[in-house]
Amino acid sequence: MTVLVSLNFPDLTAPVADLVRRFTHQALCELSEKGADWTLIDTSAPLPSLGEALDTDALLLLGGGDIDSEIYGVDGPVPHEYGVDRDVDEFCMEAILGAADAGVPVLGICRGHQLINVAFGGTLVPHLDAGLHHGPSGDDLFVDERIEIASGSRLAGILGDEVAVVRNGHHQGVDHVAEPLRGVGRAADGLVEAVEHPDAW
């Protein structure tokens, strides 16, 4: 499995760097405990060839900075936009589409989930105020959020339930869901918190 994450994106503060490294470490430990072999590609380092990233049997994209809002059609400043690296965004989206074309399973968490939607042509809400999806800052950034899972979706089948409580701390979110993706997880305010492809994994 190839894991894509930026460990040193622009505007990175020490507390956020600690969060990114902790979350990445936790994800990698979980993979190892489940018996998965993984290769980490730090996309804030010099980028490898796309072929190298796609020489894998699965692709996992983790969280990090914001996606460049110009990619999904927003002109002008976005409140609290941080960590933008257009080259990394484009590399990750090429990897997503290349993996999908090759039949390689793709999973995106947080920024990764948003990248999948944008890669297929969808858009994002560029800024969400503190409340349902994130706290004000620092230690209070992450909140527990109840998500309704679509009946009959693969996600519902995997979780064995149509409700999940997830730990969220995101100020951007999926807006228009790209074709052919389907929104299969929604927050109480209707924001899409999970998408899946009807055919590809």
Protein backbone atom coordinates (compact mmCIF):
# COMPACT_ATOMS: atom_id res chain seq x y z
CA MET A 1 0.00 0.00 0.00
CA THR A 2 1.20 3.52 -0.82
CA VAL A 3 0.37 6.19 1.75
CA LEU A 4 0.45 9.83 0.62
CA VAL A 5 0.72 12.61 3.22
CA SER A 6 2.49 15.96 3.53
CA LEU A 7 4.44 16.12 6.78
CA ASN A 8 5.76 19.65 6.25
CA PHE A 9 3.27 21.70 4.22
CA PRO A 10 3.30 25.54 3.94
CA ASP A 11 2.15 27.59 6.97
CA LEU A 12 2.68 24.58 9.24
CA THR A 13 2.80 25.54 12.91
CA ALA A 14 4.41 23.40 15.60
CA PRO A 15 1.06 22.28 17.13
CA VAL A 16 -0.37 21.33 13.72
CA ALA A 17 2.88 19.55 12.80
CA ASP A 18 2.51 17.51 15.98
CA LEU A 19 -1.09 16.61 15.08
CA VAL A 20 -0.19 15.58 11.51
CA ARG A 21 2.69 13.41 12.71
CA ARG A 22 0.60 11.83 15.49
CA PHE A 23 -2.30 11.05 13.16
CA THR A 24 0.04 9.69 10.49
CA HIS A 25 1.80 7.51 13.06
CA GLN A 26 -1.54 6.20 14.31
CA ALA A 27 -2.71 5.36 10.78
CA LEU A 28 0.53 3.55 9.96
CA CYS A 29 0.43 1.59 13.21
CA GLU A 30 -3.17 0.55 12.49
CA LEU A 31 -2.14 -0.62 9.02
CA SER A 32 0.73 -2.64 10.45
CA GLU A 33 -1.50 -4.20 13.10
CA LYS A 34 -3.92 -5.26 10.36
CA GLY A 35 -1.03 -6.94 8.50
CA ALA A 36 -0.71 -4.36 5.70
CA ASP A 37 2.66 -3.57 4.17
CA TRP A 38 2.92 0.15 3.44
CA THR A 39 5.26 2.66 1.86
CA LEU A 40 5.00 6.26 3.03
CA ILE A 41 5.48 9.03 0.47
CA ASP A 42 5.93 12.42 2.14
CA THR A 43 4.52 14.72 -0.53
CA SER A 44 6.21 17.74 1.06
CA ALA A 45 9.56 16.20 0.06
CA PRO A 46 10.63 16.06 -3.61
CA LEU A 47 7.80 14.27 -5.39
CA PRO A 48 8.46 10.83 -6.88
CA SER A 49 7.25 9.81 -10.32
CA LEU A 50 3.57 9.04 -10.59
CA GLY A 51 4.53 5.52 -11.64
CA GLU A 52 6.39 5.01 -8.36
CA ALA A 53 3.36 6.13 -6.34
CA LEU A 54 1.08 3.83 -8.33
CA ASP A 55 3.34 0.76 -8.09
CA THR A 56 1.07 -0.56 -5.35
CA ASP A 57 -2.01 -2.63 -4.64
CA ALA A 58 -3.79 0.19 -2.74
CA LEU A 59 -3.56 3.97 -2.28
CA LEU A 60 -4.30 5.79 1.00
CA LEU A 61 -4.41 9.60 1.24
CA LEU A 62 -4.31 11.14 4.70
CA GLY A 63 -5.10 14.61 6.07
CA GLY A 64 -3.14 17.84 5.90
CA GLY A 65 -3.40 21.32 4.45
CA ASP A 66 -6.13 22.83 2.33
CA ILE A 67 -6.61 22.11 -1.37
CA ASP A 68 -5.92 25.11 -3.59
CA SER A 69 -9.36 26.69 -3.95
CA GLU A 70 -8.65 27.81 -7.53
CA ILE A 71 -8.63 24.14 -8.58
CA TYR A 72 -12.33 23.82 -7.75
CA GLY A 73 -13.33 27.23 -9.07
CA VAL A 74 -13.13 29.65 -6.14
CA ASP A 75 -11.62 33.03 -6.98
CA GLY A 76 -10.36 35.34 -4.29
CA PRO A 77 -9.24 34.76 -0.71
CA VAL A 78 -10.64 31.91 1.36
CA PRO A 79 -10.96 32.50 5.13
CA HIS A 80 -8.38 30.56 7.14
CA GLU A 81 -6.94 28.83 4.07
CA TYR A 82 -3.60 27.28 5.00
CA GLY A 83 -1.06 24.75 3.86
CA VAL A 84 -1.81 25.15 0.15
CA ASP A 85 0.63 23.48 -2.23
CA ARG A 86 -0.76 23.33 -5.78
CA ASP A 87 1.93 20.93 -7.03
CA VAL A 88 1.09 18.43 -4.29
CA ASP A 89 -2.65 18.79 -4.93
CA GLU A 90 -2.18 18.04 -8.63
CA PHE A 91 0.15 15.10 -7.94
CA CYS A 92 -2.31 13.56 -5.49
CA MET A 93 -5.25 14.01 -7.85
CA GLU A 94 -3.32 12.42 -10.71
CA ALA A 95 -2.51 9.52 -8.39
CA ILE A 96 -6.19 9.13 -7.46
CA LEU A 97 -7.36 9.07 -11.07
CA GLY A 98 -4.45 6.86 -12.15
CA ALA A 99 -5.24 4.38 -9.39
CA ALA A 100 -8.93 4.35 -10.29
CA ASP A 101 -8.12 3.76 -13.96
CA ALA A 102 -5.79 0.89 -12.99
CA GLY A 103 -8.32 -0.73 -10.67
CA VAL A 104 -6.22 0.06 -7.58
CA PRO A 105 -8.37 0.66 -4.47
CA VAL A 106 -8.24 4.22 -3.09
CA LEU A 107 -9.17 5.44 0.39
CA GLY A 108 -9.06 9.09 1.41
CA ILE A 109 -9.31 10.38 4.97
CA CYS A 110 -9.98 14.06 5.74
CA ARG A 111 -8.04 16.01 3.08
CA GLY A 112 -7.79 12.73 1.16
CA HIS A 113 -11.59 12.43 1.02
CA GLN A 114 -11.82 16.00 -0.29
CA LEU A 115 -9.07 15.37 -2.85
CA ILE A 116 -10.97 12.38 -4.24
CA ASN A 117 -14.07 14.53 -4.79
CA VAL A 118 -12.09 17.37 -6.42
CA ALA A 119 -10.07 14.94 -8.57
CA PHE A 120 -13.30 13.65 -10.12
CA GLY A 121 -14.54 17.21 -10.74
CA GLY A 122 -16.45 18.03 -7.57
CA THR A 123 -16.20 21.14 -5.40
CA LEU A 124 -15.66 22.03 -1.77
CA VAL A 125 -17.19 24.41 0.72
CA PRO A 126 -14.04 26.54 1.19
CA HIS A 127 -14.73 27.45 4.83
CA LEU A 128 -16.99 26.13 7.56
CA ASP A 129 -17.42 28.09 10.78
CA ALA A 130 -16.65 26.44 14.11
CA GLY A 131 -19.47 24.30 15.38
CA LEU A 132 -20.66 20.98 14.01
CA HIS A 133 -17.50 20.08 12.02
CA HIS A 134 -14.70 21.59 14.11
CA GLY A 135 -14.07 23.42 17.33
CA PRO A 136 -12.48 26.85 17.70
CA SER A 137 -8.78 25.86 17.70
CA GLY A 138 -5.94 24.05 19.45
CA ASP A 139 -6.98 21.23 21.75
CA ASP A 140 -10.65 22.02 21.07
CA LEU A 141 -10.33 21.70 17.28
CA PHE A 142 -11.72 18.16 17.09
CA VAL A 143 -15.34 17.34 17.84
CA ASP A 144 -17.42 14.15 17.82
CA GLU A 145 -19.87 14.24 14.92
CA ARG A 146 -22.79 11.92 14.17
CA ILE A 147 -22.91 10.77 10.55
CA GLU A 148 -25.86 9.12 8.80
CA ILE A 149 -24.67 6.38 6.42
CA ALA A 150 -26.71 5.63 3.28
CA SER A 151 -28.57 2.33 3.40
CA GLY A 152 -27.17 -0.18 0.92
CA SER A 153 -23.86 1.66 0.53
CA ARG A 154 -20.55 -0.18 0.73
CA LEU A 155 -19.66 2.00 3.72
CA ALA A 156 -22.76 0.85 5.61
CA GLY A 157 -21.82 -2.74 4.77
CA ILE A 158 -18.28 -2.27 6.07
CA LEU A 159 -19.38 -0.55 9.28
CA GLY A 160 -22.36 -2.82 9.81
CA ASP A 161 -24.44 0.22 10.74
CA GLU A 162 -26.13 3.25 9.23
CA VAL A 163 -24.88 5.63 11.92
CA ALA A 164 -21.31 6.45 12.88
CA VAL A 165 -19.79 8.89 15.34
CA VAL A 166 -16.55 10.25 13.95
CA ARG A 167 -13.89 12.62 15.24
CA ASN A 168 -13.80 15.66 12.95
CA GLY A 169 -11.79 18.86 12.78
CA HIS A 170 -12.17 20.16 9.24
CA HIS A 171 -12.97 23.70 8.08
CA GLN A 172 -13.58 22.65 4.47
CA GLY A 173 -16.00 20.04 3.20
CA VAL A 174 -17.45 18.41 0.12
CA ASP A 175 -19.98 20.66 -1.63
CA HIS A 176 -20.99 19.41 -5.11
CA VAL A 177 -20.36 15.65 -5.25
CA ALA A 178 -18.53 14.74 -8.47
CA GLU A 179 -19.98 12.34 -10.99
CA PRO A 180 -19.90 9.37 -10.71
CA LEU A 181 -19.31 9.48 -6.95
CA ARG A 182 -22.15 9.19 -4.46
CA GLY A 183 -22.48 10.96 -1.13
CA VAL A 184 -23.01 8.13 1.33
CA GLY A 185 -22.31 9.80 4.66
CA ARG A 186 -23.99 13.02 5.81
CA ALA A 187 -23.74 15.17 8.89
CA ALA A 188 -26.78 16.64 10.66
CA ASP A 189 -26.55 19.78 8.50
CA GLY A 190 -26.44 17.73 5.28
CA LEU A 191 -22.71 18.15 4.63
CA VAL A 192 -21.29 15.14 2.81
CA GLU A 193 -18.76 13.38 5.05
CA ALA A 194 -18.22 10.26 2.93
CA VAL A 195 -18.27 9.50 -0.79
CA GLU A 196 -17.86 6.27 -2.70
CA HIS A 197 -17.63 5.25 -6.32
CA PRO A 198 -20.47 2.96 -7.44
CA ASP A 199 -18.12 0.59 -9.31
CA ALA A 200 -14.44 1.32 -8.64
CA TRP A 201 -13.04 0.84 -5.14
